[in-house]
């Protein structure tokens, strides 16, 4: 009985690791599109083309993201802002954004 539970837990953990790996690929694609946007000015178009491609849809699905048009628009908006993923995911950036929103609301 415990072998079945251990096997299920192992498979679940492997699935989570796989999702994290594919999420890292999505973040790398976003960073590449941001770099293209700064260099050539076509970053949102590049990420949209990638996300709509067969490979992009597969990577998004494996990362646990539903590859629909709403997601594509969100990725395009993110790239349009020009903030790299490492900065956008940092605590300092989050605190700065919340402070700016609070100042805007006041």
N, C-alpha and C. Protein backbone atom coordinates (compact mmCIF):
# COMPACT_ATOMS: atom_id res chain seq x y z
N UNK A 1 0.82 -1.19 0.00
CA UNK A 1 0.00 0.00 0.00
C UNK A 1 0.87 1.26 0.00
N UNK A 2 1.91 1.28 0.81
CA UNK A 2 2.76 2.47 0.89
C UNK A 2 3.53 2.70 -0.40
N UNK A 3 3.81 1.63 -1.15
CA UNK A 3 4.50 1.79 -2.42
C UNK A 3 3.67 2.60 -3.40
N UNK A 4 2.36 2.38 -3.40
CA UNK A 4 1.46 3.12 -4.29
C UNK A 4 1.44 4.59 -3.91
N UNK A 5 1.37 4.87 -2.61
CA UNK A 5 1.34 6.26 -2.14
C UNK A 5 2.66 6.93 -2.46
N UNK A 6 3.78 6.25 -2.23
CA UNK A 6 5.09 6.81 -2.54
C UNK A 6 5.23 7.08 -4.04
N UNK A 7 4.74 6.16 -4.85
CA UNK A 7 4.81 6.34 -6.30
C UNK A 7 3.98 7.51 -6.76
N UNK A 8 2.80 7.67 -6.20
CA UNK A 8 1.94 8.80 -6.56
C UNK A 8 2.58 10.12 -6.14
N UNK A 9 3.14 10.15 -4.94
CA UNK A 9 3.80 11.37 -4.46
C UNK A 9 5.00 11.71 -5.34
N UNK A 10 5.76 10.70 -5.74
CA UNK A 10 6.91 10.92 -6.60
C UNK A 10 6.48 11.48 -7.95
N UNK A 11 5.43 10.89 -8.54
CA UNK A 11 4.93 11.37 -9.83
C UNK A 11 4.42 12.80 -9.73
N UNK A 12 3.75 13.12 -8.64
CA UNK A 12 3.25 14.49 -8.43
C UNK A 12 4.42 15.47 -8.34
N UNK A 13 5.46 15.08 -7.60
CA UNK A 13 6.63 15.94 -7.46
C UNK A 13 7.34 16.13 -8.80
N UNK A 14 7.44 15.07 -9.57
CA UNK A 14 8.06 15.16 -10.90
C UNK A 14 7.24 16.08 -11.80
N UNK A 15 5.92 16.00 -11.71
CA UNK A 15 5.07 16.88 -12.51
C UNK A 15 5.27 18.34 -12.14
N UNK A 16 5.40 18.62 -10.85
CA UNK A 16 5.65 20.00 -10.42
C UNK A 16 6.99 20.50 -10.92
N UNK A 17 8.00 19.65 -10.87
CA UNK A 17 9.32 20.04 -11.39
C UNK A 17 9.25 20.33 -12.88
N UNK A 18 8.51 19.51 -13.60
CA UNK A 18 8.37 19.71 -15.04
C UNK A 18 7.67 21.04 -15.33
N UNK A 19 6.61 21.35 -14.60
CA UNK A 19 5.91 22.63 -14.80
C UNK A 19 6.83 23.81 -14.53
N UNK A 20 7.64 23.71 -13.48
CA UNK A 20 8.58 24.79 -13.17
C UNK A 20 9.61 24.97 -14.28
N UNK A 21 10.06 23.86 -14.86
CA UNK A 21 11.02 23.93 -15.96
C UNK A 21 10.40 24.65 -17.15
N UNK A 22 9.18 24.29 -17.50
CA UNK A 22 8.53 24.93 -18.64
C UNK A 22 8.18 26.38 -18.33
N UNK A 23 7.87 26.69 -17.08
CA UNK A 23 7.63 28.09 -16.70
C UNK A 23 8.90 28.91 -16.88
N UNK A 24 10.05 28.32 -16.61
CA UNK A 24 11.32 29.01 -16.82
C UNK A 24 11.54 29.28 -18.31
N UNK A 25 11.10 28.36 -19.16
CA UNK A 25 11.21 28.57 -20.61
C UNK A 25 10.32 29.75 -21.04
N UNK A 26 9.13 29.84 -20.46
CA UNK A 26 8.23 30.97 -20.78
C UNK A 26 8.88 32.28 -20.35
N UNK A 27 9.47 32.31 -19.16
CA UNK A 27 10.15 33.53 -18.68
C UNK A 27 11.31 33.90 -19.59
N UNK A 28 12.05 32.91 -20.06
CA UNK A 28 13.16 33.18 -20.99
C UNK A 28 12.64 33.74 -22.31
N UNK A 29 11.52 33.21 -22.79
CA UNK A 29 10.92 33.74 -24.02
C UNK A 29 10.48 35.19 -23.83
N UNK A 30 9.94 35.51 -22.66
CA UNK A 30 9.56 36.89 -22.37
C UNK A 30 10.78 37.80 -22.36
N UNK A 31 11.85 37.36 -21.71
CA UNK A 31 13.08 38.16 -21.68
C UNK A 31 13.64 38.38 -23.08
N UNK A 32 13.61 37.34 -23.91
CA UNK A 32 14.08 37.48 -25.30
C UNK A 32 13.23 38.48 -26.07
N UNK A 33 11.92 38.43 -25.86
CA UNK A 33 11.03 39.37 -26.55
C UNK A 33 11.26 40.80 -26.07
N UNK A 34 11.54 40.97 -24.78
CA UNK A 34 11.83 42.30 -24.25
C UNK A 34 13.13 42.84 -24.85
N UNK A 35 14.13 41.96 -24.97
CA UNK A 35 15.39 42.37 -25.59
C UNK A 35 15.16 42.75 -27.05
N UNK A 36 14.35 41.98 -27.77
CA UNK A 36 14.02 42.31 -29.16
C UNK A 36 13.28 43.64 -29.24
N UNK A 37 12.41 43.90 -28.27
CA UNK A 37 11.66 45.14 -28.27
C UNK A 37 12.59 46.33 -28.10
N UNK A 38 13.56 46.19 -27.22
CA UNK A 38 14.51 47.30 -27.01
C UNK A 38 15.43 47.50 -28.20
N UNK A 39 15.77 46.39 -28.87
CA UNK A 39 16.71 46.48 -29.98
C UNK A 39 16.03 46.80 -31.31
N UNK A 40 14.93 46.10 -31.61
CA UNK A 40 14.29 46.24 -32.92
C UNK A 40 12.89 46.86 -32.86
N UNK A 41 12.29 46.90 -31.67
CA UNK A 41 10.95 47.48 -31.54
C UNK A 41 9.82 46.54 -31.88
N UNK A 42 10.09 45.24 -31.97
CA UNK A 42 9.03 44.30 -32.35
C UNK A 42 8.80 43.21 -31.30
N UNK A 43 9.07 43.49 -30.04
CA UNK A 43 8.95 42.49 -28.98
C UNK A 43 7.55 41.93 -28.80
N UNK A 44 6.52 42.78 -28.67
CA UNK A 44 5.17 42.23 -28.50
C UNK A 44 4.73 41.34 -29.67
N UNK A 45 5.13 41.72 -30.89
CA UNK A 45 4.80 40.88 -32.05
C UNK A 45 5.52 39.54 -31.98
N UNK A 46 6.77 39.56 -31.53
CA UNK A 46 7.56 38.33 -31.43
C UNK A 46 6.95 37.37 -30.41
N UNK A 47 6.59 37.88 -29.23
CA UNK A 47 6.03 36.99 -28.20
C UNK A 47 4.67 36.48 -28.63
N UNK A 48 3.89 37.31 -29.33
CA UNK A 48 2.59 36.85 -29.81
C UNK A 48 2.76 35.76 -30.86
N UNK A 49 3.70 35.93 -31.76
CA UNK A 49 3.95 34.92 -32.78
C UNK A 49 4.38 33.60 -32.13
N UNK A 50 5.27 33.72 -31.11
CA UNK A 50 5.74 32.51 -30.42
C UNK A 50 4.59 31.84 -29.67
N UNK A 51 3.80 32.62 -28.94
CA UNK A 51 2.73 32.05 -28.12
C UNK A 51 1.64 31.40 -28.98
N UNK A 52 1.46 31.89 -30.18
CA UNK A 52 0.45 31.32 -31.06
C UNK A 52 0.98 30.15 -31.87
N UNK A 53 2.30 29.97 -31.89
CA UNK A 53 2.88 28.87 -32.63
C UNK A 53 2.60 27.55 -31.93
N UNK A 54 2.82 26.48 -32.65
CA UNK A 54 2.59 25.15 -32.07
C UNK A 54 3.52 24.91 -30.88
N UNK A 55 4.80 25.25 -31.03
CA UNK A 55 5.75 25.07 -29.93
C UNK A 55 5.39 25.93 -28.74
N UNK A 56 5.02 27.17 -28.99
CA UNK A 56 4.65 28.08 -27.90
C UNK A 56 3.44 27.59 -27.13
N UNK A 57 2.43 27.13 -27.86
CA UNK A 57 1.23 26.59 -27.19
C UNK A 57 1.58 25.37 -26.36
N UNK A 58 2.46 24.53 -26.88
CA UNK A 58 2.87 23.33 -26.14
C UNK A 58 3.62 23.69 -24.87
N UNK A 59 4.54 24.65 -24.96
CA UNK A 59 5.31 25.08 -23.79
C UNK A 59 4.39 25.72 -22.75
N UNK A 60 3.49 26.59 -23.20
CA UNK A 60 2.56 27.21 -22.27
C UNK A 60 1.68 26.16 -21.57
N UNK A 61 1.21 25.19 -22.33
CA UNK A 61 0.40 24.13 -21.73
C UNK A 61 1.19 23.33 -20.71
N UNK A 62 2.42 22.99 -21.04
CA UNK A 62 3.26 22.22 -20.11
C UNK A 62 3.61 23.04 -18.87
N UNK A 63 3.60 24.36 -18.98
CA UNK A 63 3.87 25.23 -17.83
C UNK A 63 2.61 25.43 -16.99
N UNK A 64 1.50 24.89 -17.44
CA UNK A 64 0.25 25.02 -16.69
C UNK A 64 -0.51 26.28 -17.04
N UNK A 65 -0.22 26.87 -18.19
CA UNK A 65 -0.86 28.10 -18.65
C UNK A 65 -1.75 27.76 -19.84
N UNK A 66 -3.01 28.15 -19.80
CA UNK A 66 -3.92 27.89 -20.91
C UNK A 66 -3.54 28.82 -22.06
N UNK A 67 -3.15 28.26 -23.21
CA UNK A 67 -2.68 29.10 -24.31
C UNK A 67 -3.82 29.72 -25.12
N UNK A 68 -4.58 30.62 -24.51
CA UNK A 68 -5.68 31.26 -25.23
C UNK A 68 -5.28 32.69 -25.60
N UNK A 69 -6.17 33.36 -26.29
CA UNK A 69 -5.87 34.70 -26.80
C UNK A 69 -5.70 35.72 -25.68
N UNK A 70 -6.41 35.53 -24.59
CA UNK A 70 -6.27 36.43 -23.44
C UNK A 70 -4.84 36.36 -22.88
N UNK A 71 -4.29 35.18 -22.82
CA UNK A 71 -2.92 35.00 -22.34
C UNK A 71 -1.94 35.67 -23.30
N UNK A 72 -2.18 35.52 -24.60
CA UNK A 72 -1.30 36.15 -25.60
C UNK A 72 -1.30 37.67 -25.44
N UNK A 73 -2.47 38.24 -25.23
CA UNK A 73 -2.56 39.69 -25.03
C UNK A 73 -1.83 40.11 -23.76
N UNK A 74 -1.95 39.31 -22.70
CA UNK A 74 -1.24 39.60 -21.45
C UNK A 74 0.27 39.54 -21.63
N UNK A 75 0.74 38.55 -22.37
CA UNK A 75 2.17 38.46 -22.65
C UNK A 75 2.65 39.66 -23.46
N UNK A 76 1.84 40.08 -24.42
CA UNK A 76 2.19 41.24 -25.25
C UNK A 76 2.26 42.51 -24.39
N UNK A 77 1.31 42.68 -23.47
CA UNK A 77 1.33 43.84 -22.58
C UNK A 77 2.56 43.83 -21.68
N UNK A 78 2.90 42.65 -21.17
CA UNK A 78 4.07 42.52 -20.30
C UNK A 78 5.33 42.91 -21.05
N UNK A 79 5.47 42.42 -22.27
CA UNK A 79 6.65 42.76 -23.07
C UNK A 79 6.65 44.25 -23.40
N UNK A 80 5.49 44.80 -23.66
CA UNK A 80 5.38 46.22 -23.98
C UNK A 80 5.83 47.12 -22.85
N UNK A 81 5.67 46.65 -21.60
CA UNK A 81 6.13 47.45 -20.46
C UNK A 81 7.65 47.51 -20.38
N UNK A 82 8.32 46.50 -20.91
CA UNK A 82 9.78 46.52 -20.98
C UNK A 82 10.50 46.20 -19.69
N UNK A 83 9.82 45.64 -18.70
CA UNK A 83 10.45 45.30 -17.43
C UNK A 83 10.85 43.83 -17.50
N UNK A 84 12.14 43.54 -17.34
CA UNK A 84 12.62 42.16 -17.41
C UNK A 84 11.97 41.31 -16.32
N UNK A 85 11.84 40.03 -16.58
CA UNK A 85 11.12 39.15 -15.66
C UNK A 85 11.79 39.06 -14.29
N UNK A 86 13.11 39.07 -14.26
CA UNK A 86 13.79 38.98 -12.96
C UNK A 86 13.49 40.20 -12.11
N UNK A 87 13.36 41.36 -12.72
CA UNK A 87 13.03 42.58 -12.00
C UNK A 87 11.56 42.58 -11.62
N UNK A 88 10.70 42.18 -12.55
CA UNK A 88 9.26 42.18 -12.29
C UNK A 88 8.88 41.23 -11.17
N UNK A 89 9.63 40.16 -11.01
CA UNK A 89 9.31 39.17 -9.98
C UNK A 89 10.00 39.46 -8.65
N UNK A 90 10.80 40.52 -8.59
CA UNK A 90 11.53 40.81 -7.36
C UNK A 90 10.63 41.52 -6.35
N UNK A 91 10.97 41.40 -5.12
CA UNK A 91 10.20 42.02 -4.03
C UNK A 91 10.28 43.55 -4.12
N UNK A 92 11.46 44.08 -4.45
CA UNK A 92 11.63 45.53 -4.51
C UNK A 92 10.71 46.15 -5.56
N UNK A 93 10.62 45.50 -6.72
CA UNK A 93 9.76 46.01 -7.78
C UNK A 93 8.29 45.96 -7.35
N UNK A 94 7.91 44.89 -6.68
CA UNK A 94 6.54 44.76 -6.21
C UNK A 94 6.21 45.86 -5.21
N UNK A 95 7.12 46.12 -4.29
CA UNK A 95 6.90 47.18 -3.30
C UNK A 95 6.85 48.55 -3.97
N UNK A 96 7.70 48.77 -4.97
CA UNK A 96 7.71 50.04 -5.68
C UNK A 96 6.39 50.26 -6.42
N UNK A 97 5.87 49.19 -7.07
CA UNK A 97 4.61 49.31 -7.77
C UNK A 97 3.45 49.61 -6.83
N UNK A 98 3.43 48.92 -5.69
CA UNK A 98 2.37 49.16 -4.71
C UNK A 98 2.44 50.58 -4.15
N UNK A 99 3.65 51.08 -3.92
CA UNK A 99 3.80 52.45 -3.43
C UNK A 99 3.33 53.45 -4.47
N UNK A 100 3.64 53.18 -5.75
CA UNK A 100 3.20 54.09 -6.82
C UNK A 100 1.68 54.07 -6.96
N UNK A 101 1.06 52.90 -6.82
CA UNK A 101 -0.38 52.81 -6.91
C UNK A 101 -1.05 53.53 -5.74
N UNK A 102 -0.46 53.40 -4.56
CA UNK A 102 -1.01 54.07 -3.38
C UNK A 102 -0.89 55.58 -3.53
N UNK A 103 0.23 56.06 -4.07
CA UNK A 103 0.42 57.49 -4.26
C UNK A 103 -0.55 58.02 -5.32
N UNK A 104 -0.80 57.19 -6.33
CA UNK A 104 -1.72 57.57 -7.39
C UNK A 104 -3.15 57.66 -6.86
N UNK A 105 -3.52 56.75 -5.98
CA UNK A 105 -4.86 56.71 -5.44
C UNK A 105 -5.11 57.88 -4.46
N UNK A 106 -4.06 58.35 -3.82
CA UNK A 106 -4.22 59.43 -2.83
C UNK A 106 -4.29 60.80 -3.44
